[in-house]
Amino acid sequence: MMPETIVDHREKAQALLKADAEKILRLIEVQIENLTMPQCPLYEEVLDTQMFGLSREIDFAVRLNLITEEQGKEILGNLERRLNILHEATQNSSDDL
């Protein structure tokens, strides 16, 4: 049985990583709302930088055994799916113009 503090640290690490993923999604939503199109180099630069930073955070948490590699992949995969949905919605709305 794991000590309660280890479980608490693992839950906190996973919650913090999910919160960081949410921040990235919100940042991209703000960029899109301010008419920065997904084809814009600035948009891609911000997205790439943020995704790289999150992946490094996840790698660090995995190395500390705070989350599993599968949990890390799930966090990144979920964010990527949500960003794709956002991107498609933006493309569809710009096609309607």
Protein backbone atom coordinates (compact mmCIF):
# COMPACT_ATOMS: atom_id res chain seq x y z
CA MET A 1 0.00 0.00 0.00
CA MET A 2 1.28 3.46 -0.96
CA PRO A 3 1.64 6.18 1.62
CA GLU A 4 -1.07 8.83 1.39
CA THR A 5 1.42 11.58 0.54
CA ILE A 6 2.62 9.74 -2.57
CA VAL A 7 -0.94 9.29 -3.80
CA ASP A 8 -1.63 12.96 -3.04
CA HIS A 9 1.45 14.08 -5.02
CA ARG A 10 0.46 11.90 -7.96
CA GLU A 11 -3.08 13.28 -8.00
CA LYS A 12 -1.77 16.82 -7.71
CA ALA A 13 0.75 16.31 -10.53
CA GLN A 14 -1.94 14.95 -12.83
CA ALA A 15 -4.30 17.81 -11.94
CA LEU A 16 -1.59 20.42 -12.57
CA LEU A 17 -0.72 18.91 -15.96
CA LYS A 18 -4.38 18.85 -16.97
CA ALA A 19 -4.72 22.48 -15.86
CA ASP A 20 -1.70 23.41 -18.01
CA ALA A 21 -3.31 21.65 -20.98
CA GLU A 22 -6.48 23.68 -20.36
CA LYS A 23 -4.42 26.89 -20.31
CA ILE A 24 -2.96 26.02 -23.71
CA LEU A 25 -6.44 25.40 -25.11
CA ARG A 26 -7.67 28.74 -23.73
CA LEU A 27 -4.61 30.55 -25.12
CA ILE A 28 -5.27 29.15 -28.58
CA GLU A 29 -8.97 30.05 -28.32
CA VAL A 30 -8.01 33.64 -27.49
CA GLN A 31 -5.67 33.75 -30.48
CA ILE A 32 -8.40 32.51 -32.78
CA GLU A 33 -10.95 34.97 -31.34
CA ASN A 34 -8.52 37.77 -32.06
CA LEU A 35 -8.40 36.77 -35.71
CA THR A 36 -5.05 35.02 -35.69
CA MET A 37 -5.65 32.32 -38.23
CA PRO A 38 -4.23 28.81 -37.75
CA GLN A 39 -2.11 29.29 -40.89
CA CYS A 40 -0.35 32.26 -39.26
CA PRO A 41 3.29 31.57 -38.27
CA LEU A 42 2.73 33.25 -34.88
CA TYR A 43 -0.18 30.91 -34.13
CA GLU A 44 1.93 27.88 -35.04
CA GLU A 45 4.90 29.19 -33.03
CA VAL A 46 2.80 29.67 -29.89
CA LEU A 47 1.14 26.28 -30.29
CA ASP A 48 4.43 24.46 -30.90
CA THR A 49 6.14 26.19 -27.97
CA GLN A 50 3.27 25.48 -25.59
CA MET A 51 2.92 21.85 -26.66
CA PHE A 52 6.68 21.31 -26.33
CA GLY A 53 6.64 22.83 -22.84
CA LEU A 54 3.75 20.62 -21.76
CA SER A 55 5.42 17.52 -23.16
CA ARG A 56 8.57 18.36 -21.15
CA GLU A 57 6.48 18.81 -17.99
CA ILE A 58 4.86 15.44 -18.62
CA ASP A 59 8.23 13.76 -19.23
CA PHE A 60 9.49 15.19 -15.95
CA ALA A 61 6.41 13.96 -14.05
CA VAL A 62 6.81 10.49 -15.61
CA ARG A 63 10.48 10.37 -14.62
CA LEU A 64 9.50 11.22 -11.04
CA ASN A 65 6.86 8.45 -11.13
CA LEU A 66 4.15 11.00 -10.41
CA ILE A 67 2.17 9.90 -13.45
CA THR A 68 2.44 6.96 -15.82
CA GLU A 69 3.59 7.31 -19.39
CA GLU A 70 0.06 6.33 -20.45
CA GLN A 71 -1.45 9.13 -18.35
CA GLY A 72 0.93 11.60 -19.98
CA LYS A 73 0.01 10.39 -23.46
CA GLU A 74 -3.67 10.68 -22.51
CA ILE A 75 -3.24 14.31 -21.42
CA LEU A 76 -1.41 15.24 -24.64
CA GLY A 77 -3.77 13.23 -26.83
CA ASN A 78 -6.83 14.81 -25.25
CA LEU A 79 -5.42 18.29 -25.78
CA GLU A 80 -4.52 17.52 -29.40
CA ARG A 81 -8.04 16.21 -30.08
CA ARG A 82 -9.60 19.32 -28.55
CA LEU A 83 -7.27 21.61 -30.51
CA ASN A 84 -8.17 19.76 -33.73
CA ILE A 85 -11.88 20.26 -33.00
CA LEU A 86 -11.25 23.96 -32.37
CA HIS A 87 -9.22 24.23 -35.58
CA GLU A 88 -11.93 22.49 -37.62
CA ALA A 89 -14.62 24.75 -36.15
CA THR A 90 -12.53 27.78 -37.09
CA GLN A 91 -12.03 26.47 -40.62
CA ASN A 92 -15.75 25.78 -40.99
CA SER A 93 -16.74 29.24 -39.74
CA SER A 94 -14.23 30.95 -42.07
CA ASP A 95 -15.55 28.86 -44.99
CA ASP A 96 -19.03 30.21 -44.25
CA LEU A 97 -17.87 33.81 -44.73
